[in-house]
PDB file of all heavy atoms in Angstrom:
ATOM      1  N   ALA A   1      -1.881  35.790 -21.551  1.00  0.00           N
ATOM      2  CA  ALA A   1      -2.544  35.396 -22.800  1.00  0.00           C
ATOM      3  C   ALA A   1      -4.063  35.402 -22.642  1.00  0.00           C
ATOM      4  O   ALA A   1      -4.779  35.855 -23.525  1.00  0.00           O
ATOM      5  CB  ALA A   1      -2.062  34.025 -23.239  1.00  0.00           C
ATOM      6  N   VAL A   2      -4.553  34.905 -21.501  1.00  0.00           N
ATOM      7  CA  VAL A   2      -6.008  34.930 -21.249  1.00  0.00           C
ATOM      8  C   VAL A   2      -6.521  36.358 -21.158  1.00  0.00           C
ATOM      9  O   VAL A   2      -7.550  36.697 -21.742  1.00  0.00           O
ATOM     10  CB  VAL A   2      -6.369  34.120 -19.995  1.00  0.00           C
ATOM     11  CG1 VAL A   2      -7.809  34.332 -19.595  1.00  0.00           C
ATOM     12  CG2 VAL A   2      -6.094  32.630 -20.231  1.00  0.00           C
ATOM     13  N   ALA A   3      -5.806  37.201 -20.414  1.00  0.00           N
ATOM     14  CA  ALA A   3      -6.210  38.604 -20.300  1.00  0.00           C
ATOM     15  C   ALA A   3      -6.233  39.289 -21.643  1.00  0.00           C
ATOM     16  O   ALA A   3      -7.171  40.020 -21.986  1.00  0.00           O
ATOM     17  CB  ALA A   3      -5.287  39.341 -19.339  1.00  0.00           C
ATOM     18  N   ASP A   4      -5.232  39.046 -22.444  1.00  0.00           N
ATOM     19  CA  ASP A   4      -5.167  39.600 -23.807  1.00  0.00           C
ATOM     20  C   ASP A   4      -6.342  39.117 -24.630  1.00  0.00           C
ATOM     21  O   ASP A   4      -6.970  39.896 -25.342  1.00  0.00           O
ATOM     22  CB  ASP A   4      -3.832  39.221 -24.468  1.00  0.00           C
ATOM     23  CG  ASP A   4      -3.692  39.845 -25.833  1.00  0.00           C
ATOM     24  OD1 ASP A   4      -3.839  41.088 -25.946  1.00  0.00           O
ATOM     25  OD2 ASP A   4      -3.450  39.085 -26.802  1.00  0.00           O
ATOM     26  N   ALA A   5      -6.656  37.836 -24.527  1.00  0.00           N
ATOM     27  CA  ALA A   5      -7.764  37.261 -25.296  1.00  0.00           C
ATOM     28  C   ALA A   5      -9.109  37.882 -24.868  1.00  0.00           C
ATOM     29  O   ALA A   5      -9.958  38.152 -25.707  1.00  0.00           O
ATOM     30  CB  ALA A   5      -7.829  35.755 -25.123  1.00  0.00           C
ATOM     31  N   LEU A   6      -9.275  38.113 -23.590  1.00  0.00           N
ATOM     32  CA  LEU A   6     -10.524  38.677 -23.100  1.00  0.00           C
ATOM     33  C   LEU A   6     -10.710  40.133 -23.533  1.00  0.00           C
ATOM     34  O   LEU A   6     -11.851  40.609 -23.586  1.00  0.00           O
ATOM     35  CB  LEU A   6     -10.602  38.538 -21.580  1.00  0.00           C
ATOM     36  CG  LEU A   6     -10.682  37.110 -21.043  1.00  0.00           C
ATOM     37  CD1 LEU A   6     -10.645  37.108 -19.530  1.00  0.00           C
ATOM     38  CD2 LEU A   6     -11.946  36.415 -21.568  1.00  0.00           C
ATOM     39  N   LEU A   7      -9.613  40.807 -23.824  1.00  0.00           N
ATOM     40  CA  LEU A   7      -9.691  42.198 -24.279  1.00  0.00           C
ATOM     41  C   LEU A   7      -9.794  42.318 -25.805  1.00  0.00           C
ATOM     42  O   LEU A   7     -10.079  43.376 -26.330  1.00  0.00           O
ATOM     43  CB  LEU A   7      -8.488  42.984 -23.774  1.00  0.00           C
ATOM     44  CG  LEU A   7      -8.415  43.174 -22.282  1.00  0.00           C
ATOM     45  CD1 LEU A   7      -7.097  43.785 -21.872  1.00  0.00           C
ATOM     46  CD2 LEU A   7      -9.583  44.003 -21.776  1.00  0.00           C
ATOM     47  N   ASP A   8      -9.585  41.226 -26.508  1.00  0.00           N
ATOM     48  CA  ASP A   8      -9.600  41.212 -27.980  1.00  0.00           C
ATOM     49  C   ASP A   8     -11.046  41.231 -28.480  1.00  0.00           C
ATOM     50  O   ASP A   8     -11.816  40.340 -28.157  1.00  0.00           O
ATOM     51  CB  ASP A   8      -8.885  39.938 -28.463  1.00  0.00           C
ATOM     52  CG  ASP A   8      -8.809  39.830 -29.965  1.00  0.00           C
ATOM     53  OD1 ASP A   8      -9.626  40.440 -30.669  1.00  0.00           O
ATOM     54  OD2 ASP A   8      -7.906  39.125 -30.430  1.00  0.00           O
ATOM     55  N   PRO A   9     -11.415  42.244 -29.278  1.00  0.00           N
ATOM     56  CA  PRO A   9     -12.790  42.319 -29.805  1.00  0.00           C
ATOM     57  C   PRO A   9     -13.193  41.061 -30.621  1.00  0.00           C
ATOM     58  O   PRO A   9     -14.349  40.648 -30.588  1.00  0.00           O
ATOM     59  CB  PRO A   9     -12.782  43.562 -30.686  1.00  0.00           C
ATOM     60  CG  PRO A   9     -11.638  44.377 -30.192  1.00  0.00           C
ATOM     61  CD  PRO A   9     -10.604  43.409 -29.698  1.00  0.00           C
ATOM     62  N   GLY A  10     -12.260  40.489 -31.328  1.00  0.00           N
ATOM     63  CA  GLY A  10     -12.550  39.291 -32.100  1.00  0.00           C
ATOM     64  C   GLY A  10     -12.914  38.116 -31.206  1.00  0.00           C
ATOM     65  O   GLY A  10     -13.836  37.344 -31.500  1.00  0.00           O
ATOM     66  N   MET A  11     -12.215  37.990 -30.089  1.00  0.00           N
ATOM     67  CA  MET A  11     -12.552  36.936 -29.122  1.00  0.00           C
ATOM     68  C   MET A  11     -13.887  37.240 -28.454  1.00  0.00           C
ATOM     69  O   MET A  11     -14.657  36.331 -28.172  1.00  0.00           O
ATOM     70  CB  MET A  11     -11.440  36.796 -28.073  1.00  0.00           C
ATOM     71  CG  MET A  11     -10.137  36.278 -28.641  1.00  0.00           C
ATOM     72  SD  MET A  11     -10.217  34.593 -29.254  1.00  0.00           S
ATOM     73  CE  MET A  11     -10.123  33.698 -27.704  1.00  0.00           C
ATOM     74  N   GLY A  12     -14.166  38.513 -28.249  1.00  0.00           N
ATOM     75  CA  GLY A  12     -15.468  38.894 -27.694  1.00  0.00           C
ATOM     76  C   GLY A  12     -16.601  38.455 -28.594  1.00  0.00           C
ATOM     77  O   GLY A  12     -17.667  38.016 -28.129  1.00  0.00           O
ATOM     78  N   GLU A  13     -16.392  38.572 -29.896  1.00  0.00           N
ATOM     79  CA  GLU A  13     -17.384  38.121 -30.856  1.00  0.00           C
ATOM     80  C   GLU A  13     -17.603  36.615 -30.767  1.00  0.00           C
ATOM     81  O   GLU A  13     -18.732  36.135 -30.858  1.00  0.00           O
ATOM     82  CB  GLU A  13     -16.969  38.520 -32.278  1.00  0.00           C
ATOM     83  CG  GLU A  13     -17.950  38.172 -33.347  1.00  0.00           C
ATOM     84  CD  GLU A  13     -19.253  38.944 -33.254  1.00  0.00           C
ATOM     85  OE1 GLU A  13     -19.281  40.076 -32.723  1.00  0.00           O
ATOM     86  OE2 GLU A  13     -20.283  38.393 -33.720  1.00  0.00           O
ATOM     87  N   LEU A  14     -16.514  35.872 -30.562  1.00  0.00           N
ATOM     88  CA  LEU A  14     -16.635  34.420 -30.425  1.00  0.00           C
ATOM     89  C   LEU A  14     -17.444  34.069 -29.184  1.00  0.00           C
ATOM     90  O   LEU A  14     -18.257  33.147 -29.204  1.00  0.00           O
ATOM     91  CB  LEU A  14     -15.259  33.772 -30.379  1.00  0.00           C
ATOM     92  CG  LEU A  14     -14.429  33.835 -31.627  1.00  0.00           C
ATOM     93  CD1 LEU A  14     -13.075  33.181 -31.417  1.00  0.00           C
ATOM     94  CD2 LEU A  14     -15.144  33.189 -32.806  1.00  0.00           C
ATOM     95  N   VAL A  15     -17.206  34.804 -28.090  1.00  0.00           N
ATOM     96  CA  VAL A  15     -18.006  34.554 -26.875  1.00  0.00           C
ATOM     97  C   VAL A  15     -19.457  34.818 -27.155  1.00  0.00           C
ATOM     98  O   VAL A  15     -20.339  34.067 -26.739  1.00  0.00           O
ATOM     99  CB  VAL A  15     -17.504  35.431 -25.704  1.00  0.00           C
ATOM    100  CG1 VAL A  15     -18.457  35.364 -24.529  1.00  0.00           C
ATOM    101  CG2 VAL A  15     -16.104  34.991 -25.270  1.00  0.00           C
ATOM    102  N   TRP A  16     -19.745  35.924 -27.834  1.00  0.00           N
ATOM    103  CA  TRP A  16     -21.134  36.286 -28.178  1.00  0.00           C
ATOM    104  C   TRP A  16     -21.787  35.158 -28.978  1.00  0.00           C
ATOM    105  O   TRP A  16     -22.891  34.732 -28.650  1.00  0.00           O
ATOM    106  CB  TRP A  16     -21.126  37.592 -28.978  1.00  0.00           C
ATOM    107  CG  TRP A  16     -22.474  37.953 -29.536  1.00  0.00           C
ATOM    108  CD1 TRP A  16     -22.799  37.925 -30.873  1.00  0.00           C
ATOM    109  CD2 TRP A  16     -23.606  38.443 -28.851  1.00  0.00           C
ATOM    110  NE1 TRP A  16     -24.086  38.337 -31.030  1.00  0.00           N
ATOM    111  CE2 TRP A  16     -24.605  38.651 -29.814  1.00  0.00           C
ATOM    112  CE3 TRP A  16     -23.884  38.695 -27.530  1.00  0.00           C
ATOM    113  CZ2 TRP A  16     -25.879  39.122 -29.454  1.00  0.00           C
ATOM    114  CZ3 TRP A  16     -25.150  39.153 -27.179  1.00  0.00           C
ATOM    115  CH2 TRP A  16     -26.139  39.352 -28.148  1.00  0.00           C
ATOM    116  N   VAL A  17     -21.131  34.660 -29.975  1.00  0.00           N
ATOM    117  CA  VAL A  17     -21.699  33.597 -30.798  1.00  0.00           C
ATOM    118  C   VAL A  17     -21.842  32.318 -29.990  1.00  0.00           C
ATOM    119  O   VAL A  17     -22.894  31.665 -30.015  1.00  0.00           O
ATOM    120  CB  VAL A  17     -20.826  33.361 -32.069  1.00  0.00           C
ATOM    121  CG1 VAL A  17     -21.257  32.118 -32.813  1.00  0.00           C
ATOM    122  CG2 VAL A  17     -20.862  34.585 -32.967  1.00  0.00           C
ATOM    123  N   ASP A  18     -20.776  31.916 -29.293  1.00  0.00           N
ATOM    124  CA  ASP A  18     -20.806  30.665 -28.524  1.00  0.00           C
ATOM    125  C   ASP A  18     -21.821  30.684 -27.397  1.00  0.00           C
ATOM    126  O   ASP A  18     -22.304  29.638 -26.975  1.00  0.00           O
ATOM    127  CB  ASP A  18     -19.418  30.360 -27.937  1.00  0.00           C
ATOM    128  CG  ASP A  18     -18.446  29.798 -28.979  1.00  0.00           C
ATOM    129  OD1 ASP A  18     -18.874  29.556 -30.120  1.00  0.00           O
ATOM    130  OD2 ASP A  18     -17.270  29.625 -28.607  1.00  0.00           O
ATOM    131  N   SER A  19     -22.141  31.868 -26.867  1.00  0.00           N
ATOM    132  CA  SER A  19     -23.083  31.943 -25.751  1.00  0.00           C
ATOM    133  C   SER A  19     -24.525  32.097 -26.210  1.00  0.00           C
ATOM    134  O   SER A  19     -25.404  32.312 -25.396  1.00  0.00           O
ATOM    135  CB  SER A  19     -22.702  33.080 -24.809  1.00  0.00           C
ATOM    136  OG  SER A  19     -22.903  34.323 -25.449  1.00  0.00           O
ATOM    137  N   GLY A  20     -24.772  31.987 -27.484  1.00  0.00           N
ATOM    138  CA  GLY A  20     -26.139  31.999 -27.984  1.00  0.00           C
ATOM    139  C   GLY A  20     -26.551  33.283 -28.706  1.00  0.00           C
ATOM    140  O   GLY A  20     -27.704  33.384 -29.121  1.00  0.00           O
ATOM    141  N   ALA A  21     -25.653  34.222 -28.820  1.00  0.00           N
ATOM    142  CA  ALA A  21     -25.920  35.468 -29.566  1.00  0.00           C
ATOM    143  C   ALA A  21     -27.282  36.082 -29.242  1.00  0.00           C
ATOM    144  O   ALA A  21     -28.115  36.302 -30.113  1.00  0.00           O
ATOM    145  CB  ALA A  21     -25.778  35.235 -31.059  1.00  0.00           C
ATOM    146  N   GLY A  22     -27.510  36.335 -27.968  1.00  0.00           N
ATOM    147  CA  GLY A  22     -28.753  36.966 -27.563  1.00  0.00           C
ATOM    148  C   GLY A  22     -29.695  36.018 -26.865  1.00  0.00           C
ATOM    149  O   GLY A  22     -30.669  36.417 -26.221  1.00  0.00           O
ATOM    150  N   ARG A  23     -29.444  34.731 -27.009  1.00  0.00           N
ATOM    151  CA  ARG A  23     -30.222  33.685 -26.298  1.00  0.00           C
ATOM    152  C   ARG A  23     -29.220  32.933 -25.414  1.00  0.00           C
ATOM    153  O   ARG A  23     -28.738  31.853 -25.768  1.00  0.00           O
ATOM    154  CB  ARG A  23     -30.887  32.738 -27.280  1.00  0.00           C
ATOM    155  CG  ARG A  23     -32.028  33.417 -28.011  1.00  0.00           C
ATOM    156  CD  ARG A  23     -32.767  32.431 -28.874  1.00  0.00           C
ATOM    157  NE  ARG A  23     -32.360  32.749 -30.250  1.00  0.00           N
ATOM    158  CZ  ARG A  23     -32.203  31.848 -31.216  1.00  0.00           C
ATOM    159  NH1 ARG A  23     -32.426  30.611 -30.965  1.00  0.00           N
ATOM    160  NH2 ARG A  23     -31.884  32.237 -32.434  1.00  0.00           N
ATOM    161  N   PRO A  24     -28.862  33.530 -24.265  1.00  0.00           N
ATOM    162  CA  PRO A  24     -27.753  33.047 -23.451  1.00  0.00           C
ATOM    163  C   PRO A  24     -27.868  31.574 -23.035  1.00  0.00           C
ATOM    164  O   PRO A  24     -28.923  31.095 -22.680  1.00  0.00           O
ATOM    165  CB  PRO A  24     -27.797  33.927 -22.213  1.00  0.00           C
ATOM    166  CG  PRO A  24     -28.564  35.121 -22.602  1.00  0.00           C
ATOM    167  CD  PRO A  24     -29.516  34.677 -23.651  1.00  0.00           C
ATOM    168  N   HIS A  25     -26.727  30.900 -23.116  1.00  0.00           N
ATOM    169  CA  HIS A  25     -26.569  29.578 -22.547  1.00  0.00           C
ATOM    170  C   HIS A  25     -25.090  29.403 -22.181  1.00  0.00           C
ATOM    171  O   HIS A  25     -24.263  30.224 -22.528  1.00  0.00           O
ATOM    172  CB  HIS A  25     -27.054  28.483 -23.506  1.00  0.00           C
ATOM    173  CG  HIS A  25     -26.308  28.414 -24.808  1.00  0.00           C
ATOM    174  ND1 HIS A  25     -26.686  29.117 -25.915  1.00  0.00           N
ATOM    175  CD2 HIS A  25     -25.197  27.717 -25.166  1.00  0.00           C
ATOM    176  CE1 HIS A  25     -25.855  28.856 -26.917  1.00  0.00           C
ATOM    177  NE2 HIS A  25     -24.950  28.002 -26.474  1.00  0.00           N
ATOM    178  N   VAL A  26     -24.789  28.361 -21.464  1.00  0.00           N
ATOM    179  CA  VAL A  26     -23.427  28.124 -20.981  1.00  0.00           C
ATOM    180  C   VAL A  26     -22.491  27.888 -22.157  1.00  0.00           C
ATOM    181  O   VAL A  26     -22.824  27.186 -23.109  1.00  0.00           O
ATOM    182  CB  VAL A  26     -23.430  26.901 -20.056  1.00  0.00           C
ATOM    183  CG1 VAL A  26     -22.012  26.584 -19.590  1.00  0.00           C
ATOM    184  CG2 VAL A  26     -24.343  27.140 -18.861  1.00  0.00           C
ATOM    185  N   LEU A  27     -21.303  28.487 -22.071  1.00  0.00           N
ATOM    186  CA  LEU A  27     -20.296  28.274 -23.105  1.00  0.00           C
ATOM    187  C   LEU A  27     -19.863  26.807 -23.123  1.00  0.00           C
ATOM    188  O   LEU A  27     -19.621  26.216 -22.082  1.00  0.00           O
ATOM    189  CB  LEU A  27     -19.066  29.120 -22.839  1.00  0.00           C
ATOM    190  CG  LEU A  27     -19.148  30.608 -23.113  1.00  0.00           C
ATOM    191  CD1 LEU A  27     -17.854  31.287 -22.680  1.00  0.00           C
ATOM    192  CD2 LEU A  27     -19.423  30.877 -24.570  1.00  0.00           C
ATOM    193  N   SER A  28     -19.760  26.263 -24.302  1.00  0.00           N
ATOM    194  CA  SER A  28     -19.277  24.903 -24.457  1.00  0.00           C
ATOM    195  C   SER A  28     -17.764  24.870 -24.533  1.00  0.00           C
ATOM    196  O   SER A  28     -17.162  25.755 -25.144  1.00  0.00           O
ATOM    197  CB  SER A  28     -19.864  24.295 -25.747  1.00  0.00           C
ATOM    198  OG  SER A  28     -19.204  23.108 -26.078  1.00  0.00           O
ATOM    199  N   VAL A  29     -17.163  23.868 -23.929  1.00  0.00           N
ATOM    200  CA  VAL A  29     -15.710  23.758 -24.034  1.00  0.00           C
ATOM    201  C   VAL A  29     -15.292  23.390 -25.450  1.00  0.00           C
ATOM    202  O   VAL A  29     -14.110  23.469 -25.788  1.00  0.00           O
ATOM    203  CB  VAL A  29     -15.113  22.767 -23.004  1.00  0.00           C
ATOM    204  CG1 VAL A  29     -15.317  23.248 -21.595  1.00  0.00           C
ATOM    205  CG2 VAL A  29     -15.686  21.396 -23.195  1.00  0.00           C
ATOM    206  N   ASP A  30     -16.238  23.004 -26.267  1.00  0.00           N
ATOM    207  CA  ASP A  30     -15.960  22.675 -27.678  1.00  0.00           C
ATOM    208  C   ASP A  30     -16.223  23.848 -28.591  1.00  0.00           C
ATOM    209  O   ASP A  30     -16.048  23.739 -29.793  1.00  0.00           O
ATOM    210  CB  ASP A  30     -16.811  21.490 -28.125  1.00  0.00           C
ATOM    211  CG  ASP A  30     -16.382  20.205 -27.455  1.00  0.00           C
ATOM    212  OD1 ASP A  30     -15.177  20.033 -27.255  1.00  0.00           O
ATOM    213  OD2 ASP A  30     -17.261  19.380 -27.154  1.00  0.00           O
ATOM    214  N   GLY A  31     -16.644  24.981 -28.022  1.00  0.00           N
ATOM    215  CA  GLY A  31     -16.973  26.154 -28.845  1.00  0.00           C
ATOM    216  C   GLY A  31     -15.728  26.831 -29.391  1.00  0.00           C
ATOM    217  O   GLY A  31     -14.583  26.534 -29.012  1.00  0.00           O
ATOM    218  N   LEU A  32     -15.957  27.749 -30.315  1.00  0.00           N
ATOM    219  CA  LEU A  32     -14.832  28.467 -30.952  1.00  0.00           C
ATOM    220  C   LEU A  32     -14.006  29.252 -29.940  1.00  0.00           C
ATOM    221  O   LEU A  32     -12.785  29.269 -30.035  1.00  0.00           O
ATOM    222  CB  LEU A  32     -15.367  29.417 -32.031  1.00  0.00           C
ATOM    223  CG  LEU A  32     -15.853  28.757 -33.305  1.00  0.00           C
ATOM    224  CD1 LEU A  32     -16.491  29.798 -34.244  1.00  0.00           C
ATOM    225  CD2 LEU A  32     -14.704  28.080 -34.027  1.00  0.00           C
ATOM    226  N   PHE A  33     -14.672  29.913 -28.999  1.00  0.00           N
ATOM    227  CA  PHE A  33     -13.922  30.725 -28.032  1.00  0.00           C
ATOM    228  C   PHE A  33     -12.944  29.872 -27.253  1.00  0.00           C
ATOM    229  O   PHE A  33     -11.754  30.192 -27.135  1.00  0.00           O
ATOM    230  CB  PHE A  33     -14.866  31.458 -27.094  1.00  0.00           C
ATOM    231  CG  PHE A  33     -14.102  32.162 -25.991  1.00  0.00           C
ATOM    232  CD1 PHE A  33     -13.460  33.357 -26.240  1.00  0.00           C
ATOM    233  CD2 PHE A  33     -14.069  31.643 -24.709  1.00  0.00           C
ATOM    234  CE1 PHE A  33     -12.725  33.989 -25.244  1.00  0.00           C
ATOM    235  CE2 PHE A  33     -13.368  32.277 -23.699  1.00  0.00           C
ATOM    236  CZ  PHE A  33     -12.696  33.478 -23.974  1.00  0.00           C
ATOM    237  N   CYS A  34     -13.420  28.764 -26.704  1.00  0.00           N
ATOM    238  CA  CYS A  34     -12.537  27.908 -25.878  1.00  0.00           C
ATOM    239  C   CYS A  34     -11.437  27.297 -26.692  1.00  0.00           C
ATOM    240  O   CYS A  34     -10.291  27.188 -26.235  1.00  0.00           O
ATOM    241  CB  CYS A  34     -13.365  26.854 -25.163  1.00  0.00           C
ATOM    242  SG  CYS A  34     -14.419  27.542 -23.885  1.00  0.00           S
ATOM    243  N   ARG A  35     -11.736  26.913 -27.935  1.00  0.00           N
ATOM    244  CA  ARG A  35     -10.693  26.352 -28.786  1.00  0.00           C
ATOM    245  C   ARG A  35      -9.632  27.399 -29.110  1.00  0.00           C
ATOM    246  O   ARG A  35      -8.421  27.137 -29.020  1.00  0.00           O
ATOM    247  CB  ARG A  35     -11.277  25.788 -30.068  1.00  0.00           C
ATOM    248  CG  ARG A  35     -11.900  24.414 -29.835  1.00  0.00           C
ATOM    249  CD  ARG A  35     -12.300  23.752 -31.115  1.00  0.00           C
ATOM    250  NE  ARG A  35     -13.692  24.178 -31.346  1.00  0.00           N
ATOM    251  CZ  ARG A  35     -14.267  24.270 -32.525  1.00  0.00           C
ATOM    252  NH1 ARG A  35     -13.596  24.016 -33.621  1.00  0.00           N
ATOM    253  NH2 ARG A  35     -15.518  24.623 -32.645  1.00  0.00           N
ATOM    254  N   ARG A  36     -10.054  28.600 -29.465  1.00  0.00           N
ATOM    255  CA  ARG A  36      -9.095  29.678 -29.789  1.00  0.00           C
ATOM    256  C   ARG A  36      -8.292  30.098 -28.565  1.00  0.00           C
ATOM    257  O   ARG A  36      -7.112  30.391 -28.664  1.00  0.00           O
ATOM    258  CB  ARG A  36      -9.800  30.889 -30.370  1.00  0.00           C
ATOM    259  CG  ARG A  36     -10.422  30.647 -31.695  1.00  0.00           C
ATOM    260  CD  ARG A  36      -9.504  31.012 -32.843  1.00  0.00           C
ATOM    261  NE  ARG A  36     -10.036  30.558 -34.103  1.00  0.00           N
ATOM    262  CZ  ARG A  36     -10.974  31.170 -34.812  1.00  0.00           C
ATOM    263  NH1 ARG A  36     -11.479  32.296 -34.382  1.00  0.00           N
ATOM    264  NH2 ARG A  36     -11.401  30.639 -35.934  1.00  0.00           N
ATOM    265  N   LEU A  37      -8.957  30.106 -27.405  1.00  0.00           N
ATOM    266  CA  LEU A  37      -8.257  30.453 -26.169  1.00  0.00           C
ATOM    267  C   LEU A  37      -7.155  29.439 -25.895  1.00  0.00           C
ATOM    268  O   LEU A  37      -6.034  29.815 -25.568  1.00  0.00           O
ATOM    269  CB  LEU A  37      -9.221  30.535 -24.994  1.00  0.00           C
ATOM    270  CG  LEU A  37      -8.671  30.971 -23.656  1.00  0.00           C
ATOM    271  CD1 LEU A  37      -8.043  32.356 -23.773  1.00  0.00           C
ATOM    272  CD2 LEU A  37      -9.743  30.916 -22.593  1.00  0.00           C
ATOM    273  N   GLY A  38      -7.460  28.167 -26.085  1.00  0.00           N
ATOM    274  CA  GLY A  38      -6.456  27.119 -25.925  1.00  0.00           C
ATOM    275  C   GLY A  38      -5.291  27.306 -26.869  1.00  0.00           C
ATOM    276  O   GLY A  38      -4.112  27.127 -26.488  1.00  0.00           O
ATOM    277  N   GLU A  39      -5.589  27.705 -28.111  1.00  0.00           N
ATOM    278  CA  GLU A  39      -4.526  27.963 -29.072  1.00  0.00           C
ATOM    279  C   GLU A  39      -3.656  29.129 -28.640  1.00  0.00           C
ATOM    280  O   GLU A  39      -2.434  29.083 -28.761  1.00  0.00           O
ATOM    281  CB  GLU A  39      -5.126  28.262 -30.457  1.00  0.00           C
ATOM    282  CG  GLU A  39      -5.778  27.082 -31.118  1.00  0.00           C
ATOM    283  CD  GLU A  39      -6.603  27.458 -32.345  1.00  0.00           C
ATOM    284  OE1 GLU A  39      -6.576  28.653 -32.750  1.00  0.00           O
ATOM    285  OE2 GLU A  39      -7.303  26.583 -32.867  1.00  0.00           O
ATOM    286  N   ARG A  40      -4.309  30.174 -28.133  1.00  0.00           N
ATOM    287  CA  ARG A  40      -3.560  31.387 -27.764  1.00  0.00           C
ATOM    288  C   ARG A  40      -2.648  31.160 -26.565  1.00  0.00           C
ATOM    289  O   ARG A  40      -1.586  31.776 -26.467  1.00  0.00           O
ATOM    290  CB  ARG A  40      -4.534  32.535 -27.453  1.00  0.00           C
ATOM    291  CG  ARG A  40      -5.114  33.121 -28.708  1.00  0.00           C
ATOM    292  CD  ARG A  40      -6.055  34.224 -28.398  1.00  0.00           C
ATOM    293  NE  ARG A  40      -5.374  35.480 -28.295  1.00  0.00           N
ATOM    294  CZ  ARG A  40      -5.902  36.636 -28.613  1.00  0.00           C
ATOM    295  NH1 ARG A  40      -7.117  36.691 -29.085  1.00  0.00           N
ATOM    296  NH2 ARG A  40      -5.243  37.741 -28.470  1.00  0.00           N
TER     297      ARG A  40
END
């Protein structure tokens, strides 16, 4: 499930947004990517 999520373009977009969208910072465990990953 994690491998599938990492290959999903939609999840990639969530990582991009959660990581600062061009202004990098550490992903928050409360961000959309981590929440969706938990759901998946």
